[in-house]
N, C-alpha and C. Protein backbone atom coordinates (compact mmCIF):
# COMPACT_ATOMS: atom_id res chain seq x y z
N UNK A 1 107.44 90.85 128.79
CA UNK A 1 106.09 91.25 128.44
C UNK A 1 105.78 90.80 127.01
N UNK A 2 104.62 90.28 126.81
CA UNK A 2 104.20 89.78 125.51
C UNK A 2 103.86 90.93 124.57
N UNK A 3 104.35 90.85 123.35
CA UNK A 3 104.06 91.87 122.34
C UNK A 3 102.74 91.51 121.68
N UNK A 4 101.82 92.47 121.67
CA UNK A 4 100.50 92.25 121.08
C UNK A 4 100.41 92.99 119.76
N UNK A 5 99.67 92.41 118.81
CA UNK A 5 99.42 93.05 117.52
C UNK A 5 97.94 92.95 117.20
N UNK A 6 97.48 93.85 116.37
CA UNK A 6 96.13 93.74 115.84
C UNK A 6 96.26 92.87 114.60
N UNK A 7 96.01 91.59 114.72
CA UNK A 7 96.27 90.62 113.66
C UNK A 7 95.32 90.80 112.48
N UNK A 8 95.90 91.00 111.30
CA UNK A 8 95.09 91.19 110.10
C UNK A 8 94.39 89.91 109.67
N UNK A 9 94.94 88.78 109.99
CA UNK A 9 94.34 87.50 109.60
C UNK A 9 93.19 87.11 110.53
N UNK A 10 93.40 87.28 111.82
CA UNK A 10 92.39 86.90 112.80
C UNK A 10 91.37 88.00 113.07
N UNK A 11 91.74 89.24 112.73
CA UNK A 11 90.84 90.36 112.96
C UNK A 11 90.66 90.69 114.43
N UNK A 12 91.70 90.43 115.23
CA UNK A 12 91.62 90.72 116.65
C UNK A 12 93.01 90.94 117.23
N UNK A 13 93.06 91.45 118.44
CA UNK A 13 94.30 91.63 119.17
C UNK A 13 94.80 90.25 119.60
N UNK A 14 96.08 89.97 119.31
CA UNK A 14 96.63 88.66 119.65
C UNK A 14 98.14 88.79 119.88
N UNK A 15 98.72 87.75 120.43
CA UNK A 15 100.16 87.74 120.71
C UNK A 15 100.95 87.80 119.41
N UNK A 16 101.88 88.77 119.35
CA UNK A 16 102.69 88.96 118.15
C UNK A 16 103.88 88.02 118.09
N UNK A 17 104.49 87.99 116.94
CA UNK A 17 105.69 87.17 116.74
C UNK A 17 106.84 87.70 117.59
N UNK A 18 107.74 86.82 118.00
CA UNK A 18 108.88 87.22 118.82
C UNK A 18 109.94 87.96 118.02
N UNK A 19 110.01 87.63 116.74
CA UNK A 19 111.01 88.25 115.85
C UNK A 19 110.49 88.17 114.42
N UNK A 20 111.05 88.99 113.53
CA UNK A 20 110.63 88.87 112.12
C UNK A 20 110.92 87.46 111.61
N UNK A 21 109.99 86.91 110.86
CA UNK A 21 110.13 85.53 110.38
C UNK A 21 110.41 85.46 108.89
N UNK A 22 110.41 86.62 108.23
CA UNK A 22 110.63 86.66 106.79
C UNK A 22 111.38 87.95 106.47
N UNK A 23 112.28 87.93 105.50
CA UNK A 23 113.08 89.13 105.21
C UNK A 23 112.31 90.20 104.43
N UNK A 24 112.88 91.38 104.38
CA UNK A 24 112.38 92.44 103.52
C UNK A 24 111.13 93.14 104.03
N UNK A 25 110.53 93.93 103.13
CA UNK A 25 109.34 94.70 103.48
C UNK A 25 108.16 93.81 103.86
N UNK A 26 107.99 92.70 103.15
CA UNK A 26 106.91 91.79 103.50
C UNK A 26 107.12 91.25 104.91
N UNK A 27 108.34 90.92 105.25
CA UNK A 27 108.64 90.43 106.60
C UNK A 27 108.32 91.46 107.67
N UNK A 28 108.60 92.74 107.38
CA UNK A 28 108.28 93.82 108.32
C UNK A 28 106.77 93.93 108.50
N UNK A 29 106.02 93.86 107.40
CA UNK A 29 104.56 93.93 107.48
C UNK A 29 104.00 92.76 108.29
N UNK A 30 104.55 91.58 108.07
CA UNK A 30 104.11 90.41 108.80
C UNK A 30 104.41 90.57 110.29
N UNK A 31 105.61 90.99 110.62
CA UNK A 31 106.00 91.16 112.02
C UNK A 31 105.08 92.16 112.73
N UNK A 32 104.71 93.23 112.04
CA UNK A 32 103.89 94.28 112.64
C UNK A 32 102.41 93.94 112.70
N UNK A 33 101.94 93.04 111.82
CA UNK A 33 100.49 92.85 111.67
C UNK A 33 99.98 91.42 111.80
N UNK A 34 100.85 90.47 112.09
CA UNK A 34 100.45 89.06 112.11
C UNK A 34 100.77 88.44 113.47
N UNK A 35 99.84 87.68 113.99
CA UNK A 35 100.02 87.03 115.30
C UNK A 35 100.73 85.68 115.15
N UNK A 36 101.17 85.16 116.28
CA UNK A 36 101.79 83.83 116.29
C UNK A 36 100.80 82.78 115.78
N UNK A 37 99.55 82.89 116.19
CA UNK A 37 98.53 81.94 115.78
C UNK A 37 98.33 81.96 114.26
N UNK A 38 98.27 83.16 113.69
CA UNK A 38 98.09 83.27 112.23
C UNK A 38 99.34 82.79 111.50
N UNK A 39 100.53 83.06 112.04
CA UNK A 39 101.76 82.58 111.42
C UNK A 39 101.79 81.05 111.40
N UNK A 40 101.36 80.43 112.48
CA UNK A 40 101.31 78.97 112.55
C UNK A 40 100.36 78.42 111.49
N UNK A 41 99.25 79.12 111.26
CA UNK A 41 98.30 78.69 110.22
C UNK A 41 98.96 78.80 108.84
N UNK A 42 99.76 79.86 108.63
CA UNK A 42 100.46 79.99 107.35
C UNK A 42 101.48 78.86 107.17
N UNK A 43 102.20 78.51 108.21
CA UNK A 43 103.20 77.43 108.10
C UNK A 43 102.52 76.14 107.66
N UNK A 44 101.34 75.84 108.20
CA UNK A 44 100.60 74.65 107.78
C UNK A 44 100.20 74.76 106.32
N UNK A 45 99.69 75.94 105.92
CA UNK A 45 99.27 76.16 104.53
C UNK A 45 100.47 76.02 103.59
N UNK A 46 101.59 76.62 103.98
CA UNK A 46 102.80 76.55 103.16
C UNK A 46 103.27 75.11 102.99
N UNK A 47 103.21 74.33 104.05
CA UNK A 47 103.61 72.92 104.00
C UNK A 47 102.74 72.16 103.00
N UNK A 48 101.44 72.42 103.03
CA UNK A 48 100.53 71.77 102.08
C UNK A 48 100.91 72.15 100.65
N UNK A 49 101.15 73.44 100.41
CA UNK A 49 101.51 73.89 99.06
C UNK A 49 102.80 73.24 98.59
N UNK A 50 103.80 73.21 99.47
CA UNK A 50 105.10 72.61 99.11
C UNK A 50 104.93 71.13 98.78
N UNK A 51 104.17 70.43 99.60
CA UNK A 51 104.00 68.99 99.38
C UNK A 51 103.14 68.67 98.17
N UNK A 52 102.01 69.34 98.04
CA UNK A 52 101.08 69.05 96.94
C UNK A 52 101.66 69.42 95.58
N UNK A 53 102.37 70.55 95.52
CA UNK A 53 102.95 70.98 94.25
C UNK A 53 104.40 70.57 94.08
N UNK A 54 104.91 69.83 95.07
CA UNK A 54 106.30 69.34 95.05
C UNK A 54 107.29 70.48 94.77
N UNK A 55 107.14 71.54 95.56
CA UNK A 55 107.99 72.72 95.41
C UNK A 55 109.30 72.53 96.15
N UNK A 56 110.34 73.12 95.62
CA UNK A 56 111.63 73.15 96.28
C UNK A 56 111.91 74.60 96.67
N UNK A 57 111.88 74.91 97.96
CA UNK A 57 112.06 76.29 98.40
C UNK A 57 113.39 76.93 98.00
N UNK A 58 114.34 76.14 97.52
CA UNK A 58 115.60 76.73 97.06
C UNK A 58 115.50 77.25 95.63
N UNK A 59 114.45 76.86 94.92
CA UNK A 59 114.26 77.33 93.55
C UNK A 59 113.61 78.71 93.56
N UNK A 60 114.18 79.67 92.84
CA UNK A 60 113.62 81.03 92.83
C UNK A 60 112.15 81.08 92.42
N UNK A 61 111.73 80.28 91.45
CA UNK A 61 110.34 80.29 91.00
C UNK A 61 109.40 79.83 92.12
N UNK A 62 109.80 78.81 92.86
CA UNK A 62 108.99 78.30 93.97
C UNK A 62 108.94 79.32 95.10
N UNK A 63 110.07 79.96 95.41
CA UNK A 63 110.10 80.98 96.46
C UNK A 63 109.18 82.14 96.11
N UNK A 64 109.23 82.56 94.85
CA UNK A 64 108.36 83.66 94.40
C UNK A 64 106.89 83.27 94.55
N UNK A 65 106.53 82.06 94.15
CA UNK A 65 105.15 81.59 94.27
C UNK A 65 104.72 81.58 95.74
N UNK A 66 105.57 81.03 96.62
CA UNK A 66 105.23 80.95 98.04
C UNK A 66 105.10 82.35 98.66
N UNK A 67 105.95 83.27 98.24
CA UNK A 67 105.86 84.64 98.74
C UNK A 67 104.55 85.29 98.30
N UNK A 68 104.16 85.08 97.06
CA UNK A 68 102.88 85.62 96.57
C UNK A 68 101.71 85.02 97.34
N UNK A 69 101.76 83.72 97.60
CA UNK A 69 100.70 83.07 98.36
C UNK A 69 100.66 83.56 99.81
N UNK A 70 101.84 83.80 100.38
CA UNK A 70 101.91 84.32 101.75
C UNK A 70 101.27 85.71 101.83
N UNK A 71 101.59 86.55 100.86
CA UNK A 71 101.00 87.89 100.85
C UNK A 71 99.48 87.81 100.70
N UNK A 72 98.99 86.93 99.83
CA UNK A 72 97.54 86.75 99.69
C UNK A 72 96.93 86.22 100.98
N UNK A 73 97.59 85.26 101.61
CA UNK A 73 97.09 84.63 102.83
C UNK A 73 96.84 85.67 103.93
N UNK A 74 97.78 86.60 104.08
CA UNK A 74 97.67 87.58 105.16
C UNK A 74 96.98 88.88 104.77
N UNK A 75 97.21 89.36 103.56
CA UNK A 75 96.84 90.74 103.25
C UNK A 75 95.84 90.92 102.12
N UNK A 76 95.25 89.84 101.62
CA UNK A 76 94.32 89.94 100.51
C UNK A 76 92.93 89.49 100.95
N UNK A 77 91.94 90.15 100.42
CA UNK A 77 90.55 89.77 100.70
C UNK A 77 90.28 88.33 100.25
N UNK A 78 90.84 87.97 99.08
CA UNK A 78 90.58 86.64 98.53
C UNK A 78 91.28 85.54 99.30
N UNK A 79 92.40 85.86 99.93
CA UNK A 79 93.16 84.84 100.64
C UNK A 79 93.78 83.85 99.68
N UNK A 80 94.20 82.74 100.18
CA UNK A 80 94.77 81.68 99.37
C UNK A 80 93.94 80.43 99.60
N UNK A 81 93.99 79.52 98.67
CA UNK A 81 93.18 78.32 98.81
C UNK A 81 94.05 77.07 98.75
N UNK A 82 93.49 75.99 99.20
CA UNK A 82 94.21 74.71 99.15
C UNK A 82 94.20 74.19 97.72
N UNK A 83 95.22 73.44 97.34
CA UNK A 83 95.23 72.83 96.01
C UNK A 83 94.00 71.92 95.82
N UNK A 84 93.47 71.87 94.62
CA UNK A 84 92.29 71.05 94.33
C UNK A 84 92.53 69.58 94.69
N UNK A 85 93.75 69.12 94.48
CA UNK A 85 94.08 67.71 94.70
C UNK A 85 94.22 67.36 96.18
N UNK A 86 94.30 68.37 97.06
CA UNK A 86 94.57 68.13 98.48
C UNK A 86 93.39 67.44 99.15
N UNK A 87 93.72 66.38 99.86
CA UNK A 87 92.75 65.67 100.68
C UNK A 87 93.28 65.67 102.10
N UNK A 88 92.57 66.28 103.04
CA UNK A 88 93.07 66.30 104.42
C UNK A 88 93.23 64.88 104.96
N UNK A 89 94.26 64.65 105.77
CA UNK A 89 94.45 63.32 106.34
C UNK A 89 93.28 62.97 107.24
N UNK A 90 92.88 61.71 107.22
CA UNK A 90 91.78 61.28 108.08
C UNK A 90 92.33 61.01 109.48
N UNK A 91 91.50 61.25 110.47
CA UNK A 91 91.94 61.09 111.87
C UNK A 91 91.94 59.66 112.30
């Protein structure tokens, strides 16, 4: 049976994650309140941030930045934004 959540990002009932995708309290909040669709959107956003800012996820400073952006992406009114330098790929 599919686990459903009231997704905070999408603002609707949607299919929940199969398992926690991030450790700690933030990971628990994400598992309980974020859908698979919203998580996929975050993965795309995170990839853009890593590439545009040339972040290394093994560096503590980069991990902290990405965690702050993830929390804003899901749980903040302001959300997170794309880097100014980002240009979406043309089709």
